[in-house]
Amino acid sequence: MDASLFWGAFTFAVACIHTLIGLIVTALSVRAAAPIEPGAHWLIATGIAVPLASSVYGLFVFLLAALAWFGFRSWHARAKQLPI
């Protein structure tokens, strides 16, 4: 039961690390391409959007895991109160 919350939090943590690494790679790529043309702003936007998508996915998985955890906990609490 607690494993669902753990894996949800783990997924979110990995997604945040992926976001940081992706933003660093994007910044290094922009620095390497020193003179950036004015029409190349889509390249920077894409470089930022890809790592942020992983954070959104990780947060979504974490929220689903948290909902499952709360559901399992309430089901378990109700099952313990039922007379046998």
PDB file of N, CA and C in Angstrom:
ATOM      1  N   MET A   1       0.825  -1.178   0.000  1.00  0.00           N
ATOM      2  CA  MET A   1       0.000   0.000   0.000  1.00  0.00           C
ATOM      3  C   MET A   1       0.876   1.250   0.000  1.00  0.00           C
ATOM      4  N   ASP A   2       1.849   1.289   0.847  1.00  0.00           N
ATOM      5  CA  ASP A   2       2.728   2.451   0.884  1.00  0.00           C
ATOM      6  C   ASP A   2       3.680   2.493  -0.308  1.00  0.00           C
ATOM      7  N   ALA A   3       3.814   1.373  -0.998  1.00  0.00           N
ATOM      8  CA  ALA A   3       4.700   1.339  -2.161  1.00  0.00           C
ATOM      9  C   ALA A   3       4.188   2.229  -3.281  1.00  0.00           C
ATOM     10  N   SER A   4       2.867   2.375  -3.413  1.00  0.00           N
ATOM     11  CA  SER A   4       2.342   3.243  -4.471  1.00  0.00           C
ATOM     12  C   SER A   4       2.760   4.686  -4.240  1.00  0.00           C
ATOM     13  N   LEU A   5       2.722   5.140  -2.998  1.00  0.00           N
ATOM     14  CA  LEU A   5       3.146   6.508  -2.695  1.00  0.00           C
ATOM     15  C   LEU A   5       4.647   6.658  -2.897  1.00  0.00           C
ATOM     16  N   PHE A   6       5.409   5.644  -2.500  1.00  0.00           N
ATOM     17  CA  PHE A   6       6.859   5.704  -2.702  1.00  0.00           C
ATOM     18  C   PHE A   6       7.217   5.812  -4.171  1.00  0.00           C
ATOM     19  N   TRP A   7       6.620   4.960  -5.020  1.00  0.00           N
ATOM     20  CA  TRP A   7       6.971   4.985  -6.435  1.00  0.00           C
ATOM     21  C   TRP A   7       6.492   6.267  -7.112  1.00  0.00           C
ATOM     22  N   GLY A   8       5.378   6.808  -6.654  1.00  0.00           N
ATOM     23  CA  GLY A   8       4.933   8.088  -7.186  1.00  0.00           C
ATOM     24  C   GLY A   8       5.899   9.207  -6.849  1.00  0.00           C
ATOM     25  N   ALA A   9       6.353   9.247  -5.595  1.00  0.00           N
ATOM     26  CA  ALA A   9       7.321  10.262  -5.182  1.00  0.00           C
ATOM     27  C   ALA A   9       8.659  10.051  -5.881  1.00  0.00           C
ATOM     28  N   PHE A  10       9.047   8.803  -6.051  1.00  0.00           N
ATOM     29  CA  PHE A  10      10.304   8.512  -6.744  1.00  0.00           C
ATOM     30  C   PHE A  10      10.245   8.978  -8.201  1.00  0.00           C
ATOM     31  N   THR A  11       9.119   8.747  -8.866  1.00  0.00           N
ATOM     32  CA  THR A  11       8.956   9.190 -10.247  1.00  0.00           C
ATOM     33  C   THR A  11       9.041  10.702 -10.338  1.00  0.00           C
ATOM     34  N   PHE A  12       8.418  11.404  -9.407  1.00  0.00           N
ATOM     35  CA  PHE A  12       8.468  12.857  -9.417  1.00  0.00           C
ATOM     36  C   PHE A  12       9.885  13.359  -9.162  1.00  0.00           C
ATOM     37  N   ALA A  13      10.614  12.720  -8.255  1.00  0.00           N
ATOM     38  CA  ALA A  13      11.991  13.128  -7.976  1.00  0.00           C
ATOM     39  C   ALA A  13      12.887  12.920  -9.192  1.00  0.00           C
ATOM     40  N   VAL A  14      12.731  11.790  -9.868  1.00  0.00           N
ATOM     41  CA  VAL A  14      13.529  11.535 -11.074  1.00  0.00           C
ATOM     42  C   VAL A  14      13.175  12.541 -12.170  1.00  0.00           C
ATOM     43  N   ALA A  15      11.897  12.885 -12.281  1.00  0.00           N
ATOM     44  CA  ALA A  15      11.480  13.871 -13.280  1.00  0.00           C
ATOM     45  C   ALA A  15      12.076  15.242 -12.978  1.00  0.00           C
ATOM     46  N   CYS A  16      12.156  15.617 -11.708  1.00  0.00           N
ATOM     47  CA  CYS A  16      12.771  16.903 -11.360  1.00  0.00           C
ATOM     48  C   CYS A  16      14.258  16.908 -11.681  1.00  0.00           C
ATOM     49  N   ILE A  17      14.933  15.806 -11.420  1.00  0.00           N
ATOM     50  CA  ILE A  17      16.348  15.712 -11.779  1.00  0.00           C
ATOM     51  C   ILE A  17      16.516  15.801 -13.294  1.00  0.00           C
ATOM     52  N   HIS A  18      15.638  15.131 -14.037  1.00  0.00           N
ATOM     53  CA  HIS A  18      15.686  15.190 -15.491  1.00  0.00           C
ATOM     54  C   HIS A  18      15.457  16.617 -15.981  1.00  0.00           C
ATOM     55  N   THR A  19      14.574  17.349 -15.341  1.00  0.00           N
ATOM     56  CA  THR A  19      14.313  18.729 -15.723  1.00  0.00           C
ATOM     57  C   THR A  19      15.554  19.588 -15.516  1.00  0.00           C
ATOM     58  N   LEU A  20      16.204  19.430 -14.379  1.00  0.00           N
ATOM     59  CA  LEU A  20      17.414  20.206 -14.124  1.00  0.00           C
ATOM     60  C   LEU A  20      18.513  19.892 -15.126  1.00  0.00           C
ATOM     61  N   ILE A  21      18.702  18.618 -15.410  1.00  0.00           N
ATOM     62  CA  ILE A  21      19.726  18.235 -16.391  1.00  0.00           C
ATOM     63  C   ILE A  21      19.375  18.780 -17.766  1.00  0.00           C
ATOM     64  N   GLY A  22      18.102  18.695 -18.150  1.00  0.00           N
ATOM     65  CA  GLY A  22      17.680  19.209 -19.448  1.00  0.00           C
ATOM     66  C   GLY A  22      17.847  20.710 -19.573  1.00  0.00           C
ATOM     67  N   LEU A  23      17.567  21.446 -18.518  1.00  0.00           N
ATOM     68  CA  LEU A  23      17.750  22.891 -18.549  1.00  0.00           C
ATOM     69  C   LEU A  23      19.224  23.270 -18.614  1.00  0.00           C
ATOM     70  N   ILE A  24      20.059  22.508 -17.930  1.00  0.00           N
ATOM     71  CA  ILE A  24      21.502  22.761 -18.001  1.00  0.00           C
ATOM     72  C   ILE A  24      22.023  22.491 -19.403  1.00  0.00           C
ATOM     73  N   VAL A  25      21.585  21.384 -20.009  1.00  0.00           N
ATOM     74  CA  VAL A  25      22.013  21.073 -21.385  1.00  0.00           C
ATOM     75  C   VAL A  25      21.534  22.144 -22.348  1.00  0.00           C
ATOM     76  N   THR A  26      20.318  22.642 -22.152  1.00  0.00           N
ATOM     77  CA  THR A  26      19.804  23.709 -23.009  1.00  0.00           C
ATOM     78  C   THR A  26      20.640  24.967 -22.863  1.00  0.00           C
ATOM     79  N   ALA A  27      20.975  25.329 -21.631  1.00  0.00           N
ATOM     80  CA  ALA A  27      21.779  26.527 -21.402  1.00  0.00           C
ATOM     81  C   ALA A  27      23.175  26.381 -22.018  1.00  0.00           C
ATOM     82  N   LEU A  28      23.755  25.203 -21.899  1.00  0.00           N
ATOM     83  CA  LEU A  28      25.075  24.985 -22.493  1.00  0.00           C
ATOM     84  C   LEU A  28      25.016  25.027 -24.019  1.00  0.00           C
ATOM     85  N   SER A  29      23.933  24.524 -24.591  1.00  0.00           N
ATOM     86  CA  SER A  29      23.776  24.556 -26.040  1.00  0.00           C
ATOM     87  C   SER A  29      23.606  25.982 -26.543  1.00  0.00           C
ATOM     88  N   VAL A  30      22.863  26.786 -25.808  1.00  0.00           N
ATOM     89  CA  VAL A  30      22.689  28.196 -26.200  1.00  0.00           C
ATOM     90  C   VAL A  30      24.016  28.930 -26.086  1.00  0.00           C
ATOM     91  N   ARG A  31      24.775  28.637 -25.047  1.00  0.00           N
ATOM     92  CA  ARG A  31      26.080  29.292 -24.891  1.00  0.00           C
ATOM     93  C   ARG A  31      27.046  28.858 -25.984  1.00  0.00           C
ATOM     94  N   ALA A  32      26.977  27.594 -26.404  1.00  0.00           N
ATOM     95  CA  ALA A  32      27.887  27.101 -27.455  1.00  0.00           C
ATOM     96  C   ALA A  32      27.570  27.740 -28.800  1.00  0.00           C
ATOM     97  N   ALA A  33      26.317  28.024 -29.057  1.00  0.00           N
ATOM     98  CA  ALA A  33      25.918  28.673 -30.311  1.00  0.00           C
ATOM     99  C   ALA A  33      25.855  30.168 -30.057  1.00  0.00           C
ATOM    100  N   ALA A  34      26.995  30.778 -29.856  1.00  0.00           N
ATOM    101  CA  ALA A  34      27.113  32.160 -29.379  1.00  0.00           C
ATOM    102  C   ALA A  34      26.201  33.159 -30.098  1.00  0.00           C
ATOM    103  N   PRO A  35      26.384  33.420 -31.382  1.00  0.00           N
ATOM    104  CA  PRO A  35      25.468  34.397 -32.010  1.00  0.00           C
ATOM    105  C   PRO A  35      24.179  33.706 -32.450  1.00  0.00           C
ATOM    106  N   ILE A  36      23.120  33.932 -31.705  1.00  0.00           N
ATOM    107  CA  ILE A  36      21.832  33.313 -32.023  1.00  0.00           C
ATOM    108  C   ILE A  36      21.033  34.280 -32.883  1.00  0.00           C
ATOM    109  N   GLU A  37      20.522  33.756 -33.968  1.00  0.00           N
ATOM    110  CA  GLU A  37      19.712  34.579 -34.859  1.00  0.00           C
ATOM    111  C   GLU A  37      18.374  34.897 -34.199  1.00  0.00           C
ATOM    112  N   PRO A  38      17.759  36.027 -34.550  1.00  0.00           N
ATOM    113  CA  PRO A  38      16.484  36.395 -33.927  1.00  0.00           C
ATOM    114  C   PRO A  38      15.359  35.393 -34.193  1.00  0.00           C
ATOM    115  N   GLY A  39      15.383  34.676 -35.297  1.00  0.00           N
ATOM    116  CA  GLY A  39      14.315  33.730 -35.608  1.00  0.00           C
ATOM    117  C   GLY A  39      14.492  32.375 -34.974  1.00  0.00           C
ATOM    118  N   ALA A  40      15.542  32.161 -34.211  1.00  0.00           N
ATOM    119  CA  ALA A  40      15.821  30.850 -33.623  1.00  0.00           C
ATOM    120  C   ALA A  40      15.289  30.719 -32.203  1.00  0.00           C
ATOM    121  N   HIS A  41      14.337  31.550 -31.826  1.00  0.00           N
ATOM    122  CA  HIS A  41      13.797  31.456 -30.471  1.00  0.00           C
ATOM    123  C   HIS A  41      13.028  30.154 -30.254  1.00  0.00           C
ATOM    124  N   TRP A  42      12.530  29.539 -31.312  1.00  0.00           N
ATOM    125  CA  TRP A  42      11.814  28.264 -31.190  1.00  0.00           C
ATOM    126  C   TRP A  42      12.748  27.163 -30.706  1.00  0.00           C
ATOM    127  N   LEU A  43      14.040  27.273 -31.059  1.00  0.00           N
ATOM    128  CA  LEU A  43      15.016  26.277 -30.626  1.00  0.00           C
ATOM    129  C   LEU A  43      15.186  26.323 -29.108  1.00  0.00           C
ATOM    130  N   ILE A  44      15.243  27.509 -28.553  1.00  0.00           N
ATOM    131  CA  ILE A  44      15.382  27.654 -27.107  1.00  0.00           C
ATOM    132  C   ILE A  44      14.094  27.207 -26.411  1.00  0.00           C
ATOM    133  N   ALA A  45      12.962  27.594 -26.980  1.00  0.00           N
ATOM    134  CA  ALA A  45      11.682  27.217 -26.375  1.00  0.00           C
ATOM    135  C   ALA A  45      11.505  25.699 -26.367  1.00  0.00           C
ATOM    136  N   THR A  46      11.897  25.031 -27.442  1.00  0.00           N
ATOM    137  CA  THR A  46      11.808  23.572 -27.492  1.00  0.00           C
ATOM    138  C   THR A  46      12.763  22.939 -26.489  1.00  0.00           C
ATOM    139  N   GLY A  47      13.955  23.508 -26.374  1.00  0.00           N
ATOM    140  CA  GLY A  47      14.932  22.988 -25.415  1.00  0.00           C
ATOM    141  C   GLY A  47      14.475  23.116 -23.978  1.00  0.00           C
ATOM    142  N   ILE A  48      13.632  24.084 -23.697  1.00  0.00           N
ATOM    143  CA  ILE A  48      13.112  24.254 -22.342  1.00  0.00           C
ATOM    144  C   ILE A  48      11.843  23.431 -22.146  1.00  0.00           C
ATOM    145  N   ALA A  49      11.031  23.304 -23.181  1.00  0.00           N
ATOM    146  CA  ALA A  49       9.748  22.604 -23.058  1.00  0.00           C
ATOM    147  C   ALA A  49       9.922  21.098 -22.854  1.00  0.00           C
ATOM    148  N   VAL A  50      10.927  20.508 -23.469  1.00  0.00           N
ATOM    149  CA  VAL A  50      11.109  19.056 -23.352  1.00  0.00           C
ATOM    150  C   VAL A  50      11.396  18.641 -21.910  1.00  0.00           C
ATOM    151  N   PRO A  51      12.345  19.257 -21.206  1.00  0.00           N
ATOM    152  CA  PRO A  51      12.544  18.821 -19.816  1.00  0.00           C
ATOM    153  C   PRO A  51      11.376  19.173 -18.903  1.00  0.00           C
ATOM    154  N   LEU A  52      10.666  20.256 -19.179  1.00  0.00           N
ATOM    155  CA  LEU A  52       9.522  20.591 -18.337  1.00  0.00           C
ATOM    156  C   LEU A  52       8.389  19.584 -18.510  1.00  0.00           C
ATOM    157  N   ALA A  53       8.301  18.980 -19.670  1.00  0.00           N
ATOM    158  CA  ALA A  53       7.273  17.957 -19.890  1.00  0.00           C
ATOM    159  C   ALA A  53       7.500  16.754 -18.980  1.00  0.00           C
ATOM    160  N   SER A  54       8.755  16.434 -18.706  1.00  0.00           N
ATOM    161  CA  SER A  54       9.013  15.300 -17.810  1.00  0.00           C
ATOM    162  C   SER A  54       8.568  15.618 -16.388  1.00  0.00           C
ATOM    163  N   SER A  55       8.701  16.864 -15.965  1.00  0.00           N
ATOM    164  CA  SER A  55       8.219  17.233 -14.631  1.00  0.00           C
ATOM    165  C   SER A  55       6.706  17.141 -14.539  1.00  0.00           C
ATOM    166  N   VAL A  56       6.027  17.558 -15.590  1.00  0.00           N
ATOM    167  CA  VAL A  56       4.569  17.469 -15.604  1.00  0.00           C
ATOM    168  C   VAL A  56       4.139  16.002 -15.548  1.00  0.00           C
ATOM    169  N   TYR A  57       4.812  15.150 -16.306  1.00  0.00           N
ATOM    170  CA  TYR A  57       4.498  13.720 -16.280  1.00  0.00           C
ATOM    171  C   TYR A  57       4.769  13.134 -14.893  1.00  0.00           C
ATOM    172  N   GLY A  58       5.910  13.483 -14.301  1.00  0.00           N
ATOM    173  CA  GLY A  58       6.239  12.981 -12.968  1.00  0.00           C
ATOM    174  C   GLY A  58       5.245  13.444 -11.926  1.00  0.00           C
ATOM    175  N   LEU A  59       4.800  14.701 -12.021  1.00  0.00           N
ATOM    176  CA  LEU A  59       3.800  15.206 -11.090  1.00  0.00           C
ATOM    177  C   LEU A  59       2.469  14.488 -11.278  1.00  0.00           C
ATOM    178  N   PHE A  60       2.100  14.203 -12.524  1.00  0.00           N
ATOM    179  CA  PHE A  60       0.870  13.472 -12.808  1.00  0.00           C
ATOM    180  C   PHE A  60       0.908  12.068 -12.200  1.00  0.00           C
ATOM    181  N   VAL A  61       2.016  11.382 -12.368  1.00  0.00           N
ATOM    182  CA  VAL A  61       2.157  10.034 -11.795  1.00  0.00           C
ATOM    183  C   VAL A  61       2.119  10.098 -10.269  1.00  0.00           C
ATOM    184  N   PHE A  62       2.765  11.114  -9.692  1.00  0.00           N
ATOM    185  CA  PHE A  62       2.756  11.268  -8.243  1.00  0.00           C
ATOM    186  C   PHE A  62       1.343  11.523  -7.724  1.00  0.00           C
ATOM    187  N   LEU A  63       0.583  12.367  -8.414  1.00  0.00           N
ATOM    188  CA  LEU A  63      -0.786  12.639  -7.979  1.00  0.00           C
ATOM    189  C   LEU A  63      -1.662  11.391  -8.082  1.00  0.00           C
ATOM    190  N   LEU A  64      -1.502  10.618  -9.155  1.00  0.00           N
ATOM    191  CA  LEU A  64      -2.248   9.363  -9.261  1.00  0.00           C
ATOM    192  C   LEU A  64      -1.871   8.398  -8.139  1.00  0.00           C
ATOM    193  N   ALA A  65      -0.582   8.322  -7.833  1.00  0.00           N
ATOM    194  CA  ALA A  65      -0.137   7.433  -6.754  1.00  0.00           C
ATOM    195  C   ALA A  65      -0.665   7.907  -5.407  1.00  0.00           C
ATOM    196  N   ALA A  66      -0.699   9.217  -5.192  1.00  0.00           N
ATOM    197  CA  ALA A  66      -1.215   9.747  -3.931  1.00  0.00           C
ATOM    198  C   ALA A  66      -2.713   9.464  -3.798  1.00  0.00           C
ATOM    199  N   LEU A  67      -3.461   9.624  -4.883  1.00  0.00           N
ATOM    200  CA  LEU A  67      -4.882   9.301  -4.846  1.00  0.00           C
ATOM    201  C   LEU A  67      -5.104   7.815  -4.555  1.00  0.00           C
ATOM    202  N   ALA A  68      -4.312   6.965  -5.188  1.00  0.00           N
ATOM    203  CA  ALA A  68      -4.419   5.529  -4.929  1.00  0.00           C
ATOM    204  C   ALA A  68      -4.075   5.217  -3.481  1.00  0.00           C
ATOM    205  N   TRP A  69      -3.053   5.874  -2.956  1.00  0.00           N
ATOM    206  CA  TRP A  69      -2.643   5.637  -1.575  1.00  0.00           C
ATOM    207  C   TRP A  69      -3.747   6.040  -0.607  1.00  0.00           C
ATOM    208  N   PHE A  70      -4.326   7.241  -0.807  1.00  0.00           N
ATOM    209  CA  PHE A  70      -5.414   7.676   0.065  1.00  0.00           C
ATOM    210  C   PHE A  70      -6.626   6.760  -0.062  1.00  0.00           C
ATOM    211  N   GLY A  71      -6.900   6.302  -1.275  1.00  0.00           N
ATOM    212  CA  GLY A  71      -8.009   5.362  -1.467  1.00  0.00           C
ATOM    213  C   GLY A  71      -7.768   4.048  -0.767  1.00  0.00           C
ATOM    214  N   PHE A  72      -6.566   3.510  -0.891  1.00  0.00           N
ATOM    215  CA  PHE A  72      -6.235   2.255  -0.214  1.00  0.00           C
ATOM    216  C   PHE A  72      -6.289   2.411   1.300  1.00  0.00           C
ATOM    217  N   ARG A  73      -5.809   3.533   1.815  1.00  0.00           N
ATOM    218  CA  ARG A  73      -5.814   3.755   3.259  1.00  0.00           C
ATOM    219  C   ARG A  73      -7.241   3.840   3.800  1.00  0.00           C
ATOM    220  N   SER A  74      -8.104   4.555   3.093  1.00  0.00           N
ATOM    221  CA  SER A  74      -9.482   4.668   3.568  1.00  0.00           C
ATOM    222  C   SER A  74     -10.212   3.329   3.451  1.00  0.00           C
ATOM    223  N   TRP A  75      -9.957   2.572   2.388  1.00  0.00           N
ATOM    224  CA  TRP A  75     -10.559   1.254   2.230  1.00  0.00           C
ATOM    225  C   TRP A  75     -10.094   0.321   3.350  1.00  0.00           C
ATOM    226  N   HIS A  76      -8.795   0.388   3.653  1.00  0.00           N
ATOM    227  CA  HIS A  76      -8.233  -0.455   4.708  1.00  0.00           C
ATOM    228  C   HIS A  76      -8.821  -0.071   6.070  1.00  0.00           C
ATOM    229  N   ALA A  77      -8.984   1.224   6.328  1.00  0.00           N
ATOM    230  CA  ALA A  77      -9.544   1.675   7.606  1.00  0.00           C
ATOM    231  C   ALA A  77     -11.000   1.231   7.750  1.00  0.00           C
ATOM    232  N   ARG A  78     -11.757   1.305   6.642  1.00  0.00           N
ATOM    233  CA  ARG A  78     -13.138   0.847   6.700  1.00  0.00           C
ATOM    234  C   ARG A  78     -13.216  -0.664   6.861  1.00  0.00           C
ATOM    235  N   ALA A  79     -12.317  -1.394   6.227  1.00  0.00           N
ATOM    236  CA  ALA A  79     -12.319  -2.856   6.331  1.00  0.00           C
ATOM    237  C   ALA A  79     -11.986  -3.310   7.743  1.00  0.00           C
ATOM    238  N   LYS A  80     -11.136  -2.556   8.445  1.00  0.00           N
ATOM    239  CA  LYS A  80     -10.790  -2.912   9.821  1.00  0.00           C
ATOM    240  C   LYS A  80     -11.955  -2.688  10.779  1.00  0.00           C
ATOM    241  N   GLN A  81     -12.858  -1.763  10.439  1.00  0.00           N
ATOM    242  CA  GLN A  81     -13.974  -1.437  11.328  1.00  0.00           C
ATOM    243  C   GLN A  81     -15.176  -2.359  11.127  1.00  0.00           C
ATOM    244  N   LEU A  82     -15.214  -3.123  10.039  1.00  0.00           N
ATOM    245  CA  LEU A  82     -16.338  -3.999   9.775  1.00  0.00           C
ATOM    246  C   LEU A  82     -16.357  -5.153  10.764  1.00  0.00           C
ATOM    247  N   PRO A  83     -17.535  -5.477  11.294  1.00  0.00           N
ATOM    248  CA  PRO A  83     -17.617  -6.642  12.205  1.00  0.00           C
ATOM    249  C   PRO A  83     -17.540  -7.939  11.395  1.00  0.00           C
ATOM    250  N   ILE A  84     -16.870  -8.891  11.940  1.00  0.00           N
ATOM    251  CA  ILE A  84     -16.701 -10.173  11.246  1.00  0.00           C
ATOM    252  C   ILE A  84     -17.653 -11.197  11.804  1.00  0.00           C
TER     253      ILE A  84
END
